[in-house]
Protein backbone atom coordinates (compact mmCIF):
# COMPACT_ATOMS: atom_id res chain seq x y z
CA UNK A 1 99.25 168.72 176.84
CA UNK A 2 97.73 165.23 177.12
CA UNK A 3 94.21 166.64 177.16
CA UNK A 4 94.93 168.60 173.99
CA UNK A 5 96.23 165.54 172.18
CA UNK A 6 93.25 163.50 173.34
CA UNK A 7 90.82 166.18 172.13
CA UNK A 8 92.58 166.41 168.73
CA UNK A 9 92.50 162.61 168.29
CA UNK A 10 88.77 162.49 169.05
CA UNK A 11 88.05 165.26 166.53
CA UNK A 12 89.99 163.49 163.75
CA UNK A 13 88.22 160.18 164.47
CA UNK A 14 84.80 161.89 164.35
CA UNK A 15 85.55 163.56 161.00
CA UNK A 16 86.71 160.26 159.45
CA UNK A 17 83.58 158.44 160.64
CA UNK A 18 81.38 161.17 159.17
CA UNK A 19 83.12 160.97 155.80
CA UNK A 20 82.77 157.18 155.71
CA UNK A 21 79.07 157.38 156.56
CA UNK A 22 78.54 159.91 153.79
CA UNK A 23 79.55 157.30 151.22
CA UNK A 24 77.61 154.46 152.78
CA UNK A 25 75.29 152.71 150.28
CA UNK A 26 71.70 153.44 151.24
CA UNK A 27 69.37 150.91 149.62
CA UNK A 28 65.93 152.10 148.71
CA UNK A 29 63.57 150.02 146.67
CA UNK A 30 59.87 149.41 146.27
CA UNK A 31 60.17 146.20 148.30
CA UNK A 32 61.56 145.07 151.65
CA UNK A 33 64.89 146.93 151.35
CA UNK A 34 63.27 150.34 151.81
CA UNK A 35 65.06 152.52 154.37
CA UNK A 36 67.82 150.07 155.21
CA UNK A 37 70.18 152.88 156.27
CA UNK A 38 69.02 156.35 157.27
CA UNK A 39 72.32 157.93 158.24
CA UNK A 40 72.60 161.49 156.95
CA UNK A 41 75.35 162.54 154.52
CA UNK A 42 78.22 164.76 155.59
CA UNK A 43 77.78 168.49 155.42
CA UNK A 44 78.72 170.21 152.19
CA UNK A 45 78.55 167.10 149.98
CA UNK A 46 75.73 166.86 147.42
CA UNK A 47 73.59 163.71 147.62
CA UNK A 48 72.61 161.92 144.42
CA UNK A 49 69.77 159.42 144.12
CA UNK A 50 71.03 156.50 142.05
CA UNK A 51 68.69 154.05 140.33
CA UNK A 52 69.92 150.62 139.35
CA UNK A 53 68.73 147.10 138.58
CA UNK A 54 69.55 143.78 140.21
CA UNK A 55 71.74 141.80 137.83
CA UNK A 56 74.70 139.61 138.63
CA UNK A 57 77.51 140.73 138.88
CA UNK A 58 76.64 144.40 138.42
CA UNK A 59 74.33 144.80 141.43
CA UNK A 60 73.54 142.03 143.94
CA UNK A 61 71.96 141.92 147.41
CA UNK A 62 74.19 140.64 150.23
CA UNK A 63 73.02 140.93 153.86
CA UNK A 64 70.53 143.74 153.14
CA UNK A 65 73.25 145.72 151.31
CA UNK A 66 74.15 146.02 147.66
CA UNK A 67 77.43 144.96 146.11
CA UNK A 68 78.81 144.33 142.66
CA UNK A 69 80.65 145.92 139.76
CA UNK A 70 78.37 148.97 139.54
CA UNK A 71 78.47 149.53 143.32
CA UNK A 72 82.30 149.49 143.29
CA UNK A 73 82.24 151.84 140.30
CA UNK A 74 79.87 154.17 142.15
CA UNK A 75 82.13 154.21 145.20
CA UNK A 76 85.14 155.11 143.06
CA UNK A 77 83.23 157.92 141.31
CA UNK A 78 81.98 159.29 144.64
CA UNK A 79 85.52 159.36 146.01
CA UNK A 80 86.81 161.20 142.93
CA UNK A 81 83.98 163.74 142.57
CA UNK A 82 83.17 164.15 146.30
CA UNK A 83 79.48 163.37 146.46
CA UNK A 84 77.35 161.10 148.61
CA UNK A 85 74.58 158.92 147.26
CA UNK A 86 71.71 156.63 148.03
CA UNK A 87 70.85 153.69 145.81
CA UNK A 88 67.37 152.52 144.89
CA UNK A 89 66.43 149.49 142.82
CA UNK A 90 64.22 150.36 139.85
CA UNK A 91 60.55 149.83 140.65
CA UNK A 92 59.37 147.93 137.56
CA UNK A 93 62.57 145.94 137.08
CA UNK A 94 63.07 147.33 133.55
CA UNK A 95 66.03 148.97 131.88
CA UNK A 96 64.07 151.51 129.91
CA UNK A 97 61.84 151.40 126.84
CA UNK A 98 58.86 153.27 125.42
CA UNK A 99 55.58 151.73 126.57
CA UNK A 100 52.36 151.52 124.55
CA UNK A 101 51.20 154.74 126.21
CA UNK A 102 54.27 156.59 124.95
CA UNK A 103 55.95 156.89 128.35
CA UNK A 104 59.38 155.56 129.24
CA UNK A 105 59.65 152.65 131.65
CA UNK A 106 62.46 151.41 133.86
CA UNK A 107 65.48 153.43 134.90
CA UNK A 108 65.12 155.84 131.97
CA UNK A 109 61.56 156.65 133.10
CA UNK A 110 62.69 157.29 136.68
CA UNK A 111 65.32 159.75 135.51
CA UNK A 112 62.81 161.54 133.28
CA UNK A 113 60.31 161.77 136.20
CA UNK A 114 63.18 163.04 138.38
CA UNK A 115 62.79 160.12 140.76
CA UNK A 116 66.53 159.53 140.39
CA UNK A 117 69.47 161.74 139.46
CA UNK A 118 71.60 159.12 137.70
CA UNK A 119 71.36 155.46 136.64
CA UNK A 120 74.41 153.29 137.27
CA UNK A 121 73.67 149.89 135.79
CA UNK A 122 74.38 147.72 132.73
CA UNK A 123 72.39 150.25 130.70
CA UNK A 124 73.14 150.18 126.99
CA UNK A 125 73.71 153.48 125.18
CA UNK A 126 71.23 153.70 122.28
CA UNK A 127 70.09 156.52 120.01
CA UNK A 128 66.52 156.34 121.33
CA UNK A 129 67.64 156.70 124.94
CA UNK A 130 70.16 159.40 124.02
CA UNK A 131 67.29 161.53 122.73
CA UNK A 132 65.68 161.78 126.17
CA UNK A 133 68.62 161.42 128.59
CA UNK A 134 72.38 161.98 128.51
CA UNK A 135 75.00 159.26 128.77
CA UNK A 136 78.56 159.38 130.00
CA UNK A 137 81.51 157.73 128.31
CA UNK A 138 80.85 153.95 128.35
CA UNK A 139 82.50 152.15 131.26
CA UNK A 140 82.11 148.71 129.64
CA UNK A 141 82.19 147.64 125.99
CA UNK A 142 79.97 144.81 124.83
CA UNK A 143 77.95 143.44 121.92
CA UNK A 144 75.13 141.00 121.15
CA UNK A 145 75.90 137.29 121.39
CA UNK A 146 74.19 133.89 121.68
CA UNK A 147 74.28 131.95 124.95
CA UNK A 148 73.89 128.16 124.54
CA UNK A 149 74.03 125.03 126.62
CA UNK A 150 76.90 122.81 125.51
CA UNK A 151 74.99 119.55 125.31
CA UNK A 152 72.15 121.20 123.39
CA UNK A 153 74.60 122.21 120.65
CA UNK A 154 76.57 118.97 120.42
CA UNK A 155 76.33 117.20 117.11
CA UNK A 156 76.50 113.48 116.40
CA UNK A 157 79.96 112.20 115.62
CA UNK A 158 80.52 111.08 112.06
CA UNK A 159 81.43 107.52 111.15
CA UNK A 160 84.95 108.67 110.24
CA UNK A 161 85.40 110.81 113.34
CA UNK A 162 88.76 109.12 114.00
CA UNK A 163 90.19 110.99 110.98
CA UNK A 164 89.35 114.39 112.46
CA UNK A 165 92.64 114.99 114.40
CA UNK A 166 94.48 115.62 111.12
CA UNK A 167 93.37 117.84 108.27
CA UNK A 168 92.86 116.45 104.76
CA UNK A 169 96.17 117.93 103.66
CA UNK A 170 97.98 116.23 106.55
CA UNK A 171 96.46 112.84 105.72
CA UNK A 172 97.44 113.30 102.06
CA UNK A 173 101.00 114.14 103.03
CA UNK A 174 101.13 111.14 105.37
CA UNK A 175 99.96 108.78 102.62
CA UNK A 176 102.52 110.20 100.20
CA UNK A 177 105.30 109.88 102.82
CA UNK A 178 104.32 106.26 103.49
CA UNK A 179 104.35 105.28 99.82
CA UNK A 180 107.62 107.12 99.15
CA UNK A 181 109.34 105.51 102.15
CA UNK A 182 108.22 102.02 101.16
CA UNK A 183 109.41 102.60 97.60
CA UNK A 184 112.80 103.82 98.89
CA UNK A 185 113.07 100.71 101.07
CA UNK A 186 112.30 98.54 98.07
CA UNK A 187 114.77 100.42 95.83
CA UNK A 188 117.64 100.61 98.32
CA UNK A 189 117.25 96.94 99.32
CA UNK A 190 117.71 95.99 95.65
CA UNK A 191 120.64 98.33 95.02
CA UNK A 192 122.64 97.62 98.16
CA UNK A 193 125.02 94.65 97.80
CA UNK A 194 125.09 94.36 101.59
CA UNK A 195 121.37 93.58 101.54
CA UNK A 196 121.33 91.57 98.29
CA UNK A 197 124.78 90.34 97.37
CA UNK A 198 124.06 87.87 94.54
CA UNK A 199 120.98 88.88 92.54
CA UNK A 200 121.17 85.75 90.33
CA UNK A 201 121.41 83.26 93.18
CA UNK A 202 119.71 84.94 96.16
CA UNK A 203 116.13 85.99 96.76
CA UNK A 204 115.51 89.58 97.80
CA UNK A 205 113.14 89.58 100.77
CA UNK A 206 112.38 93.30 100.41
CA UNK A 207 109.81 93.02 97.66
CA UNK A 208 107.49 95.96 97.21
CA UNK A 209 104.67 94.22 99.09
CA UNK A 210 107.02 93.32 101.93
CA UNK A 211 108.21 96.92 102.01
CA UNK A 212 104.60 98.11 102.34
CA UNK A 213 104.07 95.62 105.14
CA UNK A 214 107.28 96.78 106.88
CA UNK A 215 106.14 100.42 106.77
CA UNK A 216 102.64 99.59 108.04
CA UNK A 217 104.09 97.59 110.92
CA UNK A 218 106.14 100.60 112.00
CA UNK A 219 103.00 102.75 111.97
CA UNK A 220 101.38 100.29 114.38
CA UNK A 221 104.56 100.13 116.50
CA UNK A 222 104.91 96.42 115.69
CA UNK A 223 108.12 94.64 114.74
CA UNK A 224 107.83 92.89 111.38
CA UNK A 225 110.10 91.06 108.99
CA UNK A 226 112.15 91.24 106.85
CA UNK A 227 114.87 92.70 108.99
CA UNK A 228 117.29 95.06 107.22
CA UNK A 229 120.99 94.14 107.11
CA UNK A 230 122.56 96.91 105.03
CA UNK A 231 123.41 100.30 106.53
CA UNK A 232 121.47 102.15 103.85
CA UNK A 233 118.26 100.17 104.54
CA UNK A 234 118.69 100.60 108.27
CA UNK A 235 119.03 104.37 107.90
CA UNK A 236 115.70 104.56 106.07
CA UNK A 237 114.06 102.19 108.57
CA UNK A 238 115.33 104.17 111.58
CA UNK A 239 114.17 107.51 110.18
CA UNK A 240 110.75 106.03 109.38
CA UNK A 241 110.46 104.68 112.94
CA UNK A 242 111.24 108.11 114.40
CA UNK A 243 108.74 109.67 112.04
CA UNK A 244 105.97 107.27 113.05
CA UNK A 245 106.60 107.70 116.79
CA UNK A 246 106.34 111.51 116.55
CA UNK A 247 103.32 111.24 114.27
CA UNK A 248 101.47 108.85 116.59
CA UNK A 249 102.19 111.12 119.57
CA UNK A 250 100.70 114.10 117.71
CA UNK A 251 97.67 112.05 116.65
CA UNK A 252 96.95 110.74 120.15
CA UNK A 253 97.33 114.19 121.70
CA UNK A 254 95.05 115.84 119.15
CA UNK A 255 92.49 113.03 119.30
CA UNK A 256 92.36 113.33 123.11
CA UNK A 257 91.79 117.07 122.82
CA UNK A 258 89.05 116.43 120.26
CA UNK A 259 87.21 113.99 122.52
CA UNK A 260 87.57 116.34 125.50
CA UNK A 261 86.15 119.28 123.55
CA UNK A 262 82.91 117.37 123.00
CA UNK A 263 82.57 118.11 119.28
CA UNK A 264 84.59 119.28 116.34
CA UNK A 265 82.95 122.69 116.45
CA UNK A 266 79.72 124.29 117.54
CA UNK A 267 77.00 123.77 114.96
CA UNK A 268 75.69 127.24 115.85
CA UNK A 269 78.48 129.68 115.07
CA UNK A 270 76.51 132.66 113.79
CA UNK A 271 73.04 134.20 113.97
CA UNK A 272 72.38 132.75 110.52
CA UNK A 273 73.01 129.27 111.92
CA UNK A 274 70.58 130.03 114.74
CA UNK A 275 67.82 131.00 112.31
CA UNK A 276 68.32 127.94 110.11
CA UNK A 277 68.15 125.36 112.90
CA UNK A 278 64.87 124.05 114.34
CA UNK A 279 66.01 122.36 117.53
CA UNK A 280 66.41 125.41 119.80
CA UNK A 281 64.02 128.22 120.61
CA UNK A 282 65.62 131.63 121.04
CA UNK A 283 64.68 134.95 122.56
CA UNK A 284 65.92 137.95 124.52
CA UNK A 285 64.91 140.29 127.35
CA UNK A 286 61.51 141.85 126.85
CA UNK A 287 61.83 145.59 126.15
CA UNK A 288 65.63 145.51 126.07
CA UNK A 289 67.87 147.37 123.65
CA UNK A 290 68.74 144.00 122.09
CA UNK A 291 65.10 143.44 121.11
CA UNK A 292 64.87 146.86 119.48
CA UNK A 293 68.22 146.36 117.76
CA UNK A 294 66.75 143.47 115.77
CA UNK A 295 63.52 145.38 115.25
CA UNK A 296 65.28 148.35 113.65
CA UNK A 297 67.94 146.38 111.75
CA UNK A 298 67.71 146.16 107.94
CA UNK A 299 69.70 142.94 107.83
CA UNK A 300 67.46 140.12 106.50
CA UNK A 301 68.77 137.65 109.08
CA UNK A 302 68.13 140.11 111.90
CA UNK A 303 64.64 140.75 110.57
CA UNK A 304 63.92 137.02 110.64
CA UNK A 305 65.08 136.87 114.26
CA UNK A 306 62.85 139.80 115.20
CA UNK A 307 59.80 138.30 113.46
CA UNK A 308 60.37 134.99 115.23
CA UNK A 309 60.60 136.66 118.66
CA UNK A 310 57.71 139.03 118.02
CA UNK A 311 55.31 136.26 116.96
CA UNK A 312 56.23 134.18 120.02
CA UNK A 313 56.65 137.13 122.38
CA UNK A 314 54.85 135.53 125.34
CA UNK A 315 56.83 132.32 125.03
CA UNK A 316 60.41 133.25 124.06
CA UNK A 317 60.92 136.67 125.68
CA UNK A 318 62.09 136.66 129.30
CA UNK A 319 61.68 139.23 132.05
CA UNK A 320 65.08 139.02 133.76
CA UNK A 321 68.58 137.95 132.94
CA UNK A 322 68.51 135.32 135.70
CA UNK A 323 65.40 133.79 134.13
CA UNK A 324 67.15 133.67 130.76
CA UNK A 325 70.20 131.83 132.15
CA UNK A 326 67.99 129.38 134.02
CA UNK A 327 65.97 128.66 130.91
CA UNK A 328 69.09 128.03 128.82
CA UNK A 329 70.31 125.55 131.42
CA UNK A 330 67.01 123.68 131.76
CA UNK A 331 65.55 123.60 128.24
CA UNK A 332 66.38 123.78 124.54
CA UNK A 333 66.64 127.55 124.53
CA UNK A 334 69.23 130.01 123.21
CA UNK A 335 69.45 133.44 124.80
CA UNK A 336 70.35 136.49 122.71
CA UNK A 337 71.81 139.26 124.85
CA UNK A 338 74.83 141.25 125.93
CA UNK A 339 77.98 139.27 125.21
CA UNK A 340 79.76 140.51 128.33
CA UNK A 341 76.97 139.18 130.55
CA UNK A 342 77.00 135.91 128.64
CA UNK A 343 80.73 135.57 129.26
CA UNK A 344 79.99 135.82 132.97
CA UNK A 345 77.28 133.15 132.72
CA UNK A 346 79.69 130.84 130.88
CA UNK A 347 82.31 131.50 133.59
CA UNK A 348 79.89 130.71 136.42
CA UNK A 349 78.12 127.76 134.78
CA UNK A 350 80.53 125.33 133.14
CA UNK A 351 77.86 123.74 130.92
CA UNK A 352 77.16 127.04 129.12
CA UNK A 353 79.03 128.53 126.18
CA UNK A 354 78.78 131.64 124.02
CA UNK A 355 78.74 131.32 120.24
CA UNK A 356 81.73 132.98 118.50
CA UNK A 357 79.85 135.68 116.54
CA UNK A 358 79.22 139.01 118.28
CA UNK A 359 77.30 141.81 116.53
CA UNK A 360 76.17 145.33 117.37
CA UNK A 361 79.18 146.72 119.24
CA UNK A 362 77.89 148.94 122.04
CA UNK A 363 78.69 150.17 125.55
CA UNK A 364 77.24 150.54 129.04
CA UNK A 365 77.02 154.15 130.20
CA UNK A 366 75.79 156.13 133.19
CA UNK A 367 72.51 157.91 132.40
CA UNK A 368 71.69 161.40 133.66
CA UNK A 369 69.15 164.06 132.84
CA UNK A 370 69.95 166.18 129.81
CA UNK A 371 70.39 169.27 131.98
CA UNK A 372 72.47 167.55 134.65
CA UNK A 373 75.78 169.22 135.53
CA UNK A 374 77.20 165.80 136.46
CA UNK A 375 77.38 164.31 132.97
CA UNK A 376 80.73 165.78 131.94
CA UNK A 377 82.30 165.25 135.36
CA UNK A 378 81.24 161.62 135.42
CA UNK A 379 82.55 161.07 131.87
CA UNK A 380 85.97 162.48 132.79
CA UNK A 381 86.04 160.38 135.95
CA UNK A 382 85.22 157.22 133.97
CA UNK A 383 88.06 157.99 131.54
CA UNK A 384 90.47 158.47 134.44
CA UNK A 385 89.43 155.15 135.95
CA UNK A 386 90.00 153.46 132.58
CA UNK A 387 93.42 155.07 132.11
CA UNK A 388 94.51 154.07 135.61
CA UNK A 389 93.46 150.45 135.08
CA UNK A 390 90.78 150.51 137.77
CA UNK A 391 88.04 149.46 135.35
CA UNK A 392 90.12 146.47 134.24
CA UNK A 393 90.65 145.57 137.90
CA UNK A 394 86.90 145.65 138.56
CA UNK A 395 86.25 143.58 135.45
CA UNK A 396 88.70 140.89 136.57
CA UNK A 397 87.34 140.99 140.12
CA UNK A 398 83.68 140.39 139.26
CA UNK A 399 84.15 138.21 136.16
CA UNK A 400 86.37 135.67 137.87
CA UNK A 401 85.59 132.23 136.47
CA UNK A 402 84.99 129.07 138.48
CA UNK A 403 85.59 127.02 135.29
CA UNK A 404 89.16 128.08 134.54
CA UNK A 405 90.41 124.54 135.01
CA UNK A 406 87.93 123.31 132.43
CA UNK A 407 88.35 125.93 129.75
CA UNK A 408 90.28 124.99 126.61
CA UNK A 409 91.38 126.70 123.50
CA UNK A 410 89.27 126.10 120.48
CA UNK A 411 90.23 122.78 118.88
CA UNK A 412 91.26 122.59 115.24
CA UNK A 413 92.69 119.79 113.04
CA UNK A 414 96.46 119.54 112.86
CA UNK A 415 97.75 121.22 109.71
CA UNK A 416 100.78 120.10 107.61
CA UNK A 417 102.72 123.21 108.65
CA UNK A 418 102.83 121.92 112.24
CA UNK A 419 104.55 118.74 111.03
CA UNK A 420 106.77 120.39 108.44
CA UNK A 421 109.98 119.66 110.33
CA UNK A 422 108.97 116.03 110.76
CA UNK A 423 108.40 115.56 107.02
CA UNK A 424 111.69 117.33 106.26
CA UNK A 425 113.58 114.97 108.59
CA UNK A 426 112.02 112.00 106.84
CA UNK A 427 113.00 113.36 103.43
CA UNK A 428 116.61 113.88 104.53
CA UNK A 429 116.72 110.34 105.94
CA UNK A 430 115.40 108.87 102.70
CA UNK A 431 117.99 110.81 100.71
CA UNK A 432 120.80 109.59 102.99
CA UNK A 433 119.59 106.01 102.63
CA UNK A 434 119.57 106.19 98.83
CA UNK A 435 123.01 107.82 98.81
CA UNK A 436 124.36 105.12 101.14
CA UNK A 437 122.98 102.39 98.85
CA UNK A 438 124.62 104.00 95.81
CA UNK A 439 127.93 104.22 97.70
CA UNK A 440 127.70 100.55 98.71
CA UNK A 441 126.98 99.51 95.12
CA UNK A 442 129.78 101.68 93.74
CA UNK A 443 132.30 100.15 96.18
CA UNK A 444 131.35 96.66 95.04
CA UNK A 445 131.58 97.77 91.38
CA UNK A 446 135.03 99.21 91.99
CA UNK A 447 136.30 95.93 93.44
CA UNK A 448 134.71 93.92 90.62
CA UNK A 449 136.21 96.23 87.99
CA UNK A 450 139.70 95.58 89.38
CA UNK A 451 139.20 91.85 89.08
CA UNK A 452 137.76 91.69 85.53
CA UNK A 453 139.80 94.60 84.16
CA UNK A 454 136.77 96.69 83.15
CA UNK A 455 135.80 100.26 83.83
CA UNK A 456 134.07 100.97 87.13
CA UNK A 457 131.19 102.80 85.40
CA UNK A 458 130.36 99.89 83.12
CA UNK A 459 130.36 97.43 86.03
CA UNK A 460 128.20 99.84 88.09
CA UNK A 461 125.66 100.15 85.26
CA UNK A 462 125.57 96.40 84.71
CA UNK A 463 125.01 95.78 88.44
CA UNK A 464 122.23 98.35 88.62
CA UNK A 465 120.48 96.99 85.52
CA UNK A 466 120.77 93.45 86.82
CA UNK A 467 119.27 94.41 90.18
CA UNK A 468 116.43 96.46 88.74
CA UNK A 469 115.56 93.95 85.98
CA UNK A 470 116.11 90.72 87.84
CA UNK A 471 112.53 89.53 87.34
CA UNK A 472 112.79 89.96 83.58
CA UNK A 473 116.08 88.06 83.48
CA UNK A 474 114.65 85.26 85.61
CA UNK A 475 111.64 84.94 83.33
CA UNK A 476 113.92 84.72 80.26
CA UNK A 477 116.08 82.03 81.90
CA UNK A 478 113.02 80.04 82.85
CA UNK A 479 111.75 80.16 79.27
CA UNK A 480 115.18 79.06 77.95
CA UNK A 481 115.35 76.12 80.36
CA UNK A 482 111.79 75.11 79.54
CA UNK A 483 112.22 74.83 75.73
CA UNK A 484 114.36 71.64 75.62
CA UNK A 485 111.87 69.91 77.91
CA UNK A 486 109.10 70.78 75.47
């Protein structure tokens, strides 16, 4: 009994080891990785020769073995479709383009020469490639973007850069609120008998200039005179103080975010901006689908980009993606390429950034021969991996950013809508202050009407006219007193 169990356990262990070895990545390349693993595949499983290209994070060399997004994708496909494989790095280091002799280079050429069965790599699906090989459903969606170095795109700050935290509309609203509040202070201080009891004998300290000074002092968080005595004036002053505190907090927070972002916005937002500037050189991968996209485009801007790159081919075109990233980091150079790869570069190198505009939506697909029976099976498997969320998991795994603590949302000036509640509170406070002043004046008029046996309305109107025209009355009294002396 024990011998039988021992024999059964050994058989199961042997079968599991054989299945694991059948899916082991065998690296074969024209250089020193040739024949790194020579273990034979399991019986009954077809073996596919897979060509790929070294590009972070799709395929990378670690301890004489390959790893990366495409390697994990290949393992998942092999497990679903039950095949073994061996991986070889493309001999000429190219993706695939038509050479001057009319032959295809790179991974596309290896598939056409039957040196490989499939190509699993960041290989863009294009019409020219589709004519000679077959592609599966794209496993990654991308486009064409511009990779820049942050300090190479920074623009000089304007002389009035301190005004940038608020939009023009917000500054206009703030100026209007300041003038309206100061006018209400001036008006209420003249109407309120608690603030100015005897207009003919007392001087009103809340002149219009003093009211402006009072409001400006609150904006600077400084205590200034005159000090309000009436309830109505204090209501307006308190609401204005609350308004200024909230406003200053919003300004300081937005100004700090502006300084941390480095500039108001990137001067190079679009491909048109890239063509118009003269500070940065720009180029792409030599023989890549991106280069031929601009070559075949009818867009005038795209044609200008192609002509620029074609005339300076030896100087602005790069051989590898790693060379492109290094050149962007070390010189005044902008790299035009796949946006998804540029997002990775910006995540790995915190001084890089991708411009907002992305053109030429496209996808990465697995290339096979046109007569291959694997094309449809691989397409279905890719769709299943997408539906199950496995592709999203791989994307998050290999695109993990080391700059997450430094990334920020795009900065924009504070709009009036964000401060709408603050302005509304100020308006309500001003209205309450004016109403309180009218109530105070009406109470005094009511008491005076009882003493002089006049109507309350007539006394109220006389008081209001006297308070609003006190300067005119003073001038007339001065003229009357000056005539006898003449």
